[in-house]
Amino acid sequence: LARSLPAGAIVSVEGGTCGYPFYA
């Protein structure tokens, strides 16, 4: 997701399974 995310995207995160790894 970090590599694919387009500029200006909005990411609504709920859940620790993937939320914490993605933020890092």
mmCIF file of all heavy atoms, coordinates in Angstrom:
data_MODEL
# 
_entry.id   MODEL 
# 
loop_
_atom_site.group_PDB 
_atom_site.id 
_atom_site.type_symbol 
_atom_site.label_atom_id 
_atom_site.label_alt_id 
_atom_site.label_comp_id 
_atom_site.label_asym_id 
_atom_site.label_entity_id 
_atom_site.label_seq_id 
_atom_site.pdbx_PDB_ins_code 
_atom_site.Cartn_x 
_atom_site.Cartn_y 
_atom_site.Cartn_z 
_atom_site.occupancy 
_atom_site.B_iso_or_equiv 
_atom_site.pdbx_formal_charge 
_atom_site.auth_seq_id 
_atom_site.auth_comp_id 
_atom_site.auth_asym_id 
_atom_site.auth_atom_id 
_atom_site.pdbx_PDB_model_num 
ATOM 1   N N   . LEU A 1 1  ? 0.829   -1.204 0.000  1.00 0.00 ? 1  LEU A N   1 
ATOM 2   C CA  . LEU A 1 1  ? 0.000   0.000  0.000  1.00 0.00 ? 1  LEU A CA  1 
ATOM 3   C C   . LEU A 1 1  ? 0.866   1.259  0.000  1.00 0.00 ? 1  LEU A C   1 
ATOM 4   O O   . LEU A 1 1  ? 0.569   2.220  -0.721 1.00 0.00 ? 1  LEU A O   1 
ATOM 5   C CB  . LEU A 1 1  ? -0.935  0.002  1.209  1.00 0.00 ? 1  LEU A CB  1 
ATOM 6   C CG  . LEU A 1 1  ? -1.880  1.201  1.328  1.00 0.00 ? 1  LEU A CG  1 
ATOM 7   C CD1 . LEU A 1 1  ? -2.731  1.362  0.076  1.00 0.00 ? 1  LEU A CD1 1 
ATOM 8   C CD2 . LEU A 1 1  ? -2.759  1.076  2.570  1.00 0.00 ? 1  LEU A CD2 1 
ATOM 9   N N   . ALA A 1 2  ? 1.943   1.260  0.779  1.00 0.00 ? 2  ALA A N   1 
ATOM 10  C CA  . ALA A 1 2  ? 2.820   2.434  0.811  1.00 0.00 ? 2  ALA A CA  1 
ATOM 11  C C   . ALA A 1 2  ? 3.432   2.709  -0.559 1.00 0.00 ? 2  ALA A C   1 
ATOM 12  O O   . ALA A 1 2  ? 3.589   3.862  -0.965 1.00 0.00 ? 2  ALA A O   1 
ATOM 13  C CB  . ALA A 1 2  ? 3.915   2.241  1.856  1.00 0.00 ? 2  ALA A CB  1 
ATOM 14  N N   . ARG A 1 3  ? 3.757   1.666  -1.284 1.00 0.00 ? 3  ARG A N   1 
ATOM 15  C CA  . ARG A 1 3  ? 4.359   1.833  -2.609 1.00 0.00 ? 3  ARG A CA  1 
ATOM 16  C C   . ARG A 1 3  ? 3.319   2.232  -3.655 1.00 0.00 ? 3  ARG A C   1 
ATOM 17  O O   . ARG A 1 3  ? 3.642   2.907  -4.636 1.00 0.00 ? 3  ARG A O   1 
ATOM 18  C CB  . ARG A 1 3  ? 5.048   0.540  -3.046 1.00 0.00 ? 3  ARG A CB  1 
ATOM 19  C CG  . ARG A 1 3  ? 6.267   0.152  -2.203 1.00 0.00 ? 3  ARG A CG  1 
ATOM 20  C CD  . ARG A 1 3  ? 6.850   -1.172 -2.658 1.00 0.00 ? 3  ARG A CD  1 
ATOM 21  N NE  . ARG A 1 3  ? 7.409   -1.052 -3.993 1.00 0.00 ? 3  ARG A NE  1 
ATOM 22  C CZ  . ARG A 1 3  ? 8.675   -0.733 -4.263 1.00 0.00 ? 3  ARG A CZ  1 
ATOM 23  N NH1 . ARG A 1 3  ? 9.528   -0.498 -3.268 1.00 0.00 ? 3  ARG A NH1 1 
ATOM 24  N NH2 . ARG A 1 3  ? 9.111   -0.640 -5.505 1.00 0.00 ? 3  ARG A NH2 1 
ATOM 25  N N   . SER A 1 4  ? 2.065   1.849  -3.454 1.00 0.00 ? 4  SER A N   1 
ATOM 26  C CA  . SER A 1 4  ? 1.029   2.070  -4.466 1.00 0.00 ? 4  SER A CA  1 
ATOM 27  C C   . SER A 1 4  ? 0.225   3.342  -4.253 1.00 0.00 ? 4  SER A C   1 
ATOM 28  O O   . SER A 1 4  ? -0.439  3.810  -5.182 1.00 0.00 ? 4  SER A O   1 
ATOM 29  C CB  . SER A 1 4  ? 0.049   0.880  -4.479 1.00 0.00 ? 4  SER A CB  1 
ATOM 30  O OG  . SER A 1 4  ? 0.717   -0.339 -4.709 1.00 0.00 ? 4  SER A OG  1 
ATOM 31  N N   . LEU A 1 5  ? 0.257   3.894  -3.059 1.00 0.00 ? 5  LEU A N   1 
ATOM 32  C CA  . LEU A 1 5  ? -0.644  4.980  -2.688 1.00 0.00 ? 5  LEU A CA  1 
ATOM 33  C C   . LEU A 1 5  ? -0.436  6.200  -3.581 1.00 0.00 ? 5  LEU A C   1 
ATOM 34  O O   . LEU A 1 5  ? 0.675   6.697  -3.721 1.00 0.00 ? 5  LEU A O   1 
ATOM 35  C CB  . LEU A 1 5  ? -0.398  5.355  -1.233 1.00 0.00 ? 5  LEU A CB  1 
ATOM 36  C CG  . LEU A 1 5  ? -1.494  6.133  -0.507 1.00 0.00 ? 5  LEU A CG  1 
ATOM 37  C CD1 . LEU A 1 5  ? -2.744  5.283  -0.348 1.00 0.00 ? 5  LEU A CD1 1 
ATOM 38  C CD2 . LEU A 1 5  ? -0.982  6.592  0.857  1.00 0.00 ? 5  LEU A CD2 1 
ATOM 39  N N   . PRO A 1 6  ? -1.506  6.724  -4.194 1.00 0.00 ? 6  PRO A N   1 
ATOM 40  C CA  . PRO A 1 6  ? -1.354  7.932  -5.019 1.00 0.00 ? 6  PRO A CA  1 
ATOM 41  C C   . PRO A 1 6  ? -1.196  9.176  -4.161 1.00 0.00 ? 6  PRO A C   1 
ATOM 42  O O   . PRO A 1 6  ? -1.637  9.222  -3.012 1.00 0.00 ? 6  PRO A O   1 
ATOM 43  C CB  . PRO A 1 6  ? -2.660  7.980  -5.820 1.00 0.00 ? 6  PRO A CB  1 
ATOM 44  C CG  . PRO A 1 6  ? -3.651  7.244  -4.982 1.00 0.00 ? 6  PRO A CG  1 
ATOM 45  C CD  . PRO A 1 6  ? -2.875  6.190  -4.247 1.00 0.00 ? 6  PRO A CD  1 
ATOM 46  N N   . ALA A 1 7  ? -0.557  10.186 -4.715 1.00 0.00 ? 7  ALA A N   1 
ATOM 47  C CA  . ALA A 1 7  ? -0.370  11.442 -4.001 1.00 0.00 ? 7  ALA A CA  1 
ATOM 48  C C   . ALA A 1 7  ? -1.722  12.060 -3.666 1.00 0.00 ? 7  ALA A C   1 
ATOM 49  O O   . ALA A 1 7  ? -2.650  12.042 -4.481 1.00 0.00 ? 7  ALA A O   1 
ATOM 50  C CB  . ALA A 1 7  ? 0.456   12.406 -4.845 1.00 0.00 ? 7  ALA A CB  1 
ATOM 51  N N   . GLY A 1 8  ? -1.825  12.602 -2.469 1.00 0.00 ? 8  GLY A N   1 
ATOM 52  C CA  . GLY A 1 8  ? -3.049  13.259 -2.049 1.00 0.00 ? 8  GLY A CA  1 
ATOM 53  C C   . GLY A 1 8  ? -4.121  12.335 -1.532 1.00 0.00 ? 8  GLY A C   1 
ATOM 54  O O   . GLY A 1 8  ? -5.242  12.779 -1.254 1.00 0.00 ? 8  GLY A O   1 
ATOM 55  N N   . ALA A 1 9  ? -3.829  11.060 -1.374 1.00 0.00 ? 9  ALA A N   1 
ATOM 56  C CA  . ALA A 1 9  ? -4.830  10.108 -0.896 1.00 0.00 ? 9  ALA A CA  1 
ATOM 57  C C   . ALA A 1 9  ? -5.185  10.393 0.560  1.00 0.00 ? 9  ALA A C   1 
ATOM 58  O O   . ALA A 1 9  ? -4.434  11.034 1.302  1.00 0.00 ? 9  ALA A O   1 
ATOM 59  C CB  . ALA A 1 9  ? -4.324  8.677  -1.040 1.00 0.00 ? 9  ALA A CB  1 
ATOM 60  N N   . ILE A 1 10 ? -6.345  9.903  0.959  1.00 0.00 ? 10 ILE A N   1 
ATOM 61  C CA  . ILE A 1 10 ? -6.797  9.932  2.347  1.00 0.00 ? 10 ILE A CA  1 
ATOM 62  C C   . ILE A 1 10 ? -6.949  8.481  2.788  1.00 0.00 ? 10 ILE A C   1 
ATOM 63  O O   . ILE A 1 10 ? -7.615  7.700  2.112  1.00 0.00 ? 10 ILE A O   1 
ATOM 64  C CB  . ILE A 1 10 ? -8.135  10.666 2.504  1.00 0.00 ? 10 ILE A CB  1 
ATOM 65  C CG1 . ILE A 1 10 ? -8.030  12.106 1.985  1.00 0.00 ? 10 ILE A CG1 1 
ATOM 66  C CG2 . ILE A 1 10 ? -8.608  10.651 3.957  1.00 0.00 ? 10 ILE A CG2 1 
ATOM 67  C CD1 . ILE A 1 10 ? -9.370  12.777 1.782  1.00 0.00 ? 10 ILE A CD1 1 
ATOM 68  N N   . VAL A 1 11 ? -6.322  8.116  3.904  1.00 0.00 ? 11 VAL A N   1 
ATOM 69  C CA  . VAL A 1 11 ? -6.371  6.736  4.379  1.00 0.00 ? 11 VAL A CA  1 
ATOM 70  C C   . VAL A 1 11 ? -7.079  6.708  5.730  1.00 0.00 ? 11 VAL A C   1 
ATOM 71  O O   . VAL A 1 11 ? -6.584  7.268  6.710  1.00 0.00 ? 11 VAL A O   1 
ATOM 72  C CB  . VAL A 1 11 ? -4.968  6.118  4.502  1.00 0.00 ? 11 VAL A CB  1 
ATOM 73  C CG1 . VAL A 1 11 ? -5.075  4.641  4.885  1.00 0.00 ? 11 VAL A CG1 1 
ATOM 74  C CG2 . VAL A 1 11 ? -4.194  6.269  3.196  1.00 0.00 ? 11 VAL A CG2 1 
ATOM 75  N N   . SER A 1 12 ? -8.240  6.075  5.775  1.00 0.00 ? 12 SER A N   1 
ATOM 76  C CA  . SER A 1 12 ? -8.972  5.872  7.015  1.00 0.00 ? 12 SER A CA  1 
ATOM 77  C C   . SER A 1 12 ? -8.575  4.515  7.578  1.00 0.00 ? 12 SER A C   1 
ATOM 78  O O   . SER A 1 12 ? -8.809  3.480  6.955  1.00 0.00 ? 12 SER A O   1 
ATOM 79  C CB  . SER A 1 12 ? -10.490 5.925  6.761  1.00 0.00 ? 12 SER A CB  1 
ATOM 80  O OG  . SER A 1 12 ? -11.208 5.612  7.938  1.00 0.00 ? 12 SER A OG  1 
ATOM 81  N N   . VAL A 1 13 ? -7.955  4.535  8.758  1.00 0.00 ? 13 VAL A N   1 
ATOM 82  C CA  . VAL A 1 13 ? -7.384  3.316  9.337  1.00 0.00 ? 13 VAL A CA  1 
ATOM 83  C C   . VAL A 1 13 ? -8.209  2.889  10.540 1.00 0.00 ? 13 VAL A C   1 
ATOM 84  O O   . VAL A 1 13 ? -8.461  3.689  11.446 1.00 0.00 ? 13 VAL A O   1 
ATOM 85  C CB  . VAL A 1 13 ? -5.920  3.557  9.772  1.00 0.00 ? 13 VAL A CB  1 
ATOM 86  C CG1 . VAL A 1 13 ? -5.368  2.316  10.469 1.00 0.00 ? 13 VAL A CG1 1 
ATOM 87  C CG2 . VAL A 1 13 ? -5.054  3.907  8.574  1.00 0.00 ? 13 VAL A CG2 1 
ATOM 88  N N   . GLU A 1 14 ? -8.627  1.647  10.551 1.00 0.00 ? 14 GLU A N   1 
ATOM 89  C CA  . GLU A 1 14 ? -9.243  1.070  11.747 1.00 0.00 ? 14 GLU A CA  1 
ATOM 90  C C   . GLU A 1 14 ? -8.788  -0.374 11.879 1.00 0.00 ? 14 GLU A C   1 
ATOM 91  O O   . GLU A 1 14 ? -8.970  -1.181 10.968 1.00 0.00 ? 14 GLU A O   1 
ATOM 92  C CB  . GLU A 1 14 ? -10.769 1.128  11.695 1.00 0.00 ? 14 GLU A CB  1 
ATOM 93  C CG  . GLU A 1 14 ? -11.383 0.549  12.964 1.00 0.00 ? 14 GLU A CG  1 
ATOM 94  C CD  . GLU A 1 14 ? -12.878 0.780  13.071 1.00 0.00 ? 14 GLU A CD  1 
ATOM 95  O OE1 . GLU A 1 14 ? -13.568 0.715  12.047 1.00 0.00 ? 14 GLU A OE1 1 
ATOM 96  O OE2 . GLU A 1 14 ? -13.346 1.030  14.184 1.00 0.00 ? 14 GLU A OE2 1 
ATOM 97  N N   . GLY A 1 15 ? -8.190  -0.674 13.024 1.00 0.00 ? 15 GLY A N   1 
ATOM 98  C CA  . GLY A 1 15 ? -7.702  -2.024 13.262 1.00 0.00 ? 15 GLY A CA  1 
ATOM 99  C C   . GLY A 1 15 ? -6.190  -2.044 13.316 1.00 0.00 ? 15 GLY A C   1 
ATOM 100 O O   . GLY A 1 15 ? -5.509  -1.421 12.503 1.00 0.00 ? 15 GLY A O   1 
ATOM 101 N N   . GLY A 1 16 ? -5.669  -2.765 14.287 1.00 0.00 ? 16 GLY A N   1 
ATOM 102 C CA  . GLY A 1 16 ? -4.225  -2.808 14.464 1.00 0.00 ? 16 GLY A CA  1 
ATOM 103 C C   . GLY A 1 16 ? -3.506  -3.778 13.555 1.00 0.00 ? 16 GLY A C   1 
ATOM 104 O O   . GLY A 1 16 ? -2.292  -3.679 13.385 1.00 0.00 ? 16 GLY A O   1 
ATOM 105 N N   . THR A 1 17 ? -4.221  -4.728 12.959 1.00 0.00 ? 17 THR A N   1 
ATOM 106 C CA  . THR A 1 17 ? -3.557  -5.775 12.189 1.00 0.00 ? 17 THR A CA  1 
ATOM 107 C C   . THR A 1 17 ? -2.665  -5.186 11.103 1.00 0.00 ? 17 THR A C   1 
ATOM 108 O O   . THR A 1 17 ? -1.486  -5.518 10.995 1.00 0.00 ? 17 THR A O   1 
ATOM 109 C CB  . THR A 1 17 ? -4.597  -6.722 11.563 1.00 0.00 ? 17 THR A CB  1 
ATOM 110 O OG1 . THR A 1 17 ? -5.373  -7.317 12.605 1.00 0.00 ? 17 THR A OG1 1 
ATOM 111 C CG2 . THR A 1 17 ? -3.906  -7.826 10.762 1.00 0.00 ? 17 THR A CG2 1 
ATOM 112 N N   . CYS A 1 18 ? -3.221  -4.304 10.295 1.00 0.00 ? 18 CYS A N   1 
ATOM 113 C CA  . CYS A 1 18 ? -2.439  -3.662 9.242  1.00 0.00 ? 18 CYS A CA  1 
ATOM 114 C C   . CYS A 1 18 ? -2.231  -2.170 9.490  1.00 0.00 ? 18 CYS A C   1 
ATOM 115 O O   . CYS A 1 18 ? -1.380  -1.548 8.840  1.00 0.00 ? 18 CYS A O   1 
ATOM 116 C CB  . CYS A 1 18 ? -3.119  -3.857 7.887  1.00 0.00 ? 18 CYS A CB  1 
ATOM 117 S SG  . CYS A 1 18 ? -3.128  -5.568 7.310  1.00 0.00 ? 18 CYS A SG  1 
ATOM 118 N N   . GLY A 1 19 ? -3.003  -1.592 10.406 1.00 0.00 ? 19 GLY A N   1 
ATOM 119 C CA  . GLY A 1 19 ? -2.918  -0.153 10.638 1.00 0.00 ? 19 GLY A CA  1 
ATOM 120 C C   . GLY A 1 19 ? -1.569  0.294  11.162 1.00 0.00 ? 19 GLY A C   1 
ATOM 121 O O   . GLY A 1 19 ? -0.966  1.247  10.658 1.00 0.00 ? 19 GLY A O   1 
ATOM 122 N N   . TYR A 1 20 ? -1.050  -0.396 12.184 1.00 0.00 ? 20 TYR A N   1 
ATOM 123 C CA  . TYR A 1 20 ? 0.247   -0.008 12.739 1.00 0.00 ? 20 TYR A CA  1 
ATOM 124 C C   . TYR A 1 20 ? 1.380   -0.222 11.738 1.00 0.00 ? 20 TYR A C   1 
ATOM 125 O O   . TYR A 1 20 ? 2.224   0.673  11.555 1.00 0.00 ? 20 TYR A O   1 
ATOM 126 C CB  . TYR A 1 20 ? 0.513   -0.764 14.035 1.00 0.00 ? 20 TYR A CB  1 
ATOM 127 C CG  . TYR A 1 20 ? -0.346  -0.311 15.183 1.00 0.00 ? 20 TYR A CG  1 
ATOM 128 C CD1 . TYR A 1 20 ? -1.396  -1.095 15.642 1.00 0.00 ? 20 TYR A CD1 1 
ATOM 129 C CD2 . TYR A 1 20 ? -0.121  0.910  15.811 1.00 0.00 ? 20 TYR A CD2 1 
ATOM 130 C CE1 . TYR A 1 20 ? -2.201  -0.681 16.689 1.00 0.00 ? 20 TYR A CE1 1 
ATOM 131 C CE2 . TYR A 1 20 ? -0.915  1.338  16.861 1.00 0.00 ? 20 TYR A CE2 1 
ATOM 132 C CZ  . TYR A 1 20 ? -1.955  0.533  17.303 1.00 0.00 ? 20 TYR A CZ  1 
ATOM 133 O OH  . TYR A 1 20 ? -2.749  0.948  18.333 1.00 0.00 ? 20 TYR A OH  1 
ATOM 134 N N   . PRO A 1 21 ? 1.456   -1.380 11.087 1.00 0.00 ? 21 PRO A N   1 
ATOM 135 C CA  . PRO A 1 21 ? 2.529   -1.536 10.092 1.00 0.00 ? 21 PRO A CA  1 
ATOM 136 C C   . PRO A 1 21 ? 2.454   -0.506 8.976  1.00 0.00 ? 21 PRO A C   1 
ATOM 137 O O   . PRO A 1 21 ? 3.483   -0.017 8.505  1.00 0.00 ? 21 PRO A O   1 
ATOM 138 C CB  . PRO A 1 21 ? 2.323   -2.959 9.563  1.00 0.00 ? 21 PRO A CB  1 
ATOM 139 C CG  . PRO A 1 21 ? 1.578   -3.669 10.638 1.00 0.00 ? 21 PRO A CG  1 
ATOM 140 C CD  . PRO A 1 21 ? 0.708   -2.643 11.278 1.00 0.00 ? 21 PRO A CD  1 
ATOM 141 N N   . PHE A 1 22 ? 1.230   -0.153 8.536  1.00 0.00 ? 22 PHE A N   1 
ATOM 142 C CA  . PHE A 1 22 ? 1.135   0.821  7.453  1.00 0.00 ? 22 PHE A CA  1 
ATOM 143 C C   . PHE A 1 22 ? 1.621   2.184  7.898  1.00 0.00 ? 22 PHE A C   1 
ATOM 144 O O   . PHE A 1 22 ? 2.332   2.872  7.156  1.00 0.00 ? 22 PHE A O   1 
ATOM 145 C CB  . PHE A 1 22 ? -0.299  0.929  6.935  1.00 0.00 ? 22 PHE A CB  1 
ATOM 146 C CG  . PHE A 1 22 ? -0.477  2.095  5.997  1.00 0.00 ? 22 PHE A CG  1 
ATOM 147 C CD1 . PHE A 1 22 ? 0.064   2.055  4.726  1.00 0.00 ? 22 PHE A CD1 1 
ATOM 148 C CD2 . PHE A 1 22 ? -1.131  3.252  6.408  1.00 0.00 ? 22 PHE A CD2 1 
ATOM 149 C CE1 . PHE A 1 22 ? -0.053  3.139  3.863  1.00 0.00 ? 22 PHE A CE1 1 
ATOM 150 C CE2 . PHE A 1 22 ? -1.256  4.333  5.560  1.00 0.00 ? 22 PHE A CE2 1 
ATOM 151 C CZ  . PHE A 1 22 ? -0.709  4.279  4.279  1.00 0.00 ? 22 PHE A CZ  1 
ATOM 152 N N   . TYR A 1 23 ? 1.255   2.625  9.101  1.00 0.00 ? 23 TYR A N   1 
ATOM 153 C CA  . TYR A 1 23 ? 1.670   3.955  9.540  1.00 0.00 ? 23 TYR A CA  1 
ATOM 154 C C   . TYR A 1 23 ? 3.193   4.056  9.545  1.00 0.00 ? 23 TYR A C   1 
ATOM 155 O O   . TYR A 1 23 ? 3.768   5.067  9.126  1.00 0.00 ? 23 TYR A O   1 
ATOM 156 C CB  . TYR A 1 23 ? 1.105   4.258  10.917 1.00 0.00 ? 23 TYR A CB  1 
ATOM 157 C CG  . TYR A 1 23 ? 1.095   5.737  11.252 1.00 0.00 ? 23 TYR A CG  1 
ATOM 158 C CD1 . TYR A 1 23 ? 0.005   6.528  10.905 1.00 0.00 ? 23 TYR A CD1 1 
ATOM 159 C CD2 . TYR A 1 23 ? 2.164   6.338  11.905 1.00 0.00 ? 23 TYR A CD2 1 
ATOM 160 C CE1 . TYR A 1 23 ? -0.021  7.893  11.193 1.00 0.00 ? 23 TYR A CE1 1 
ATOM 161 C CE2 . TYR A 1 23 ? 2.152   7.692  12.203 1.00 0.00 ? 23 TYR A CE2 1 
ATOM 162 C CZ  . TYR A 1 23 ? 1.061   8.468  11.841 1.00 0.00 ? 23 TYR A CZ  1 
ATOM 163 O OH  . TYR A 1 23 ? 1.051   9.809  12.129 1.00 0.00 ? 23 TYR A OH  1 
ATOM 164 N N   . ALA A 1 24 ? 3.859   3.003  10.005 1.00 0.00 ? 24 ALA A N   1 
ATOM 165 C CA  . ALA A 1 24 ? 5.318   3.016  10.015 1.00 0.00 ? 24 ALA A CA  1 
ATOM 166 C C   . ALA A 1 24 ? 5.881   3.030  8.602  1.00 0.00 ? 24 ALA A C   1 
ATOM 167 O O   . ALA A 1 24 ? 6.844   3.744  8.304  1.00 0.00 ? 24 ALA A O   1 
ATOM 168 C CB  . ALA A 1 24 ? 5.838   1.803  10.787 1.00 0.00 ? 24 ALA A CB  1 
# 
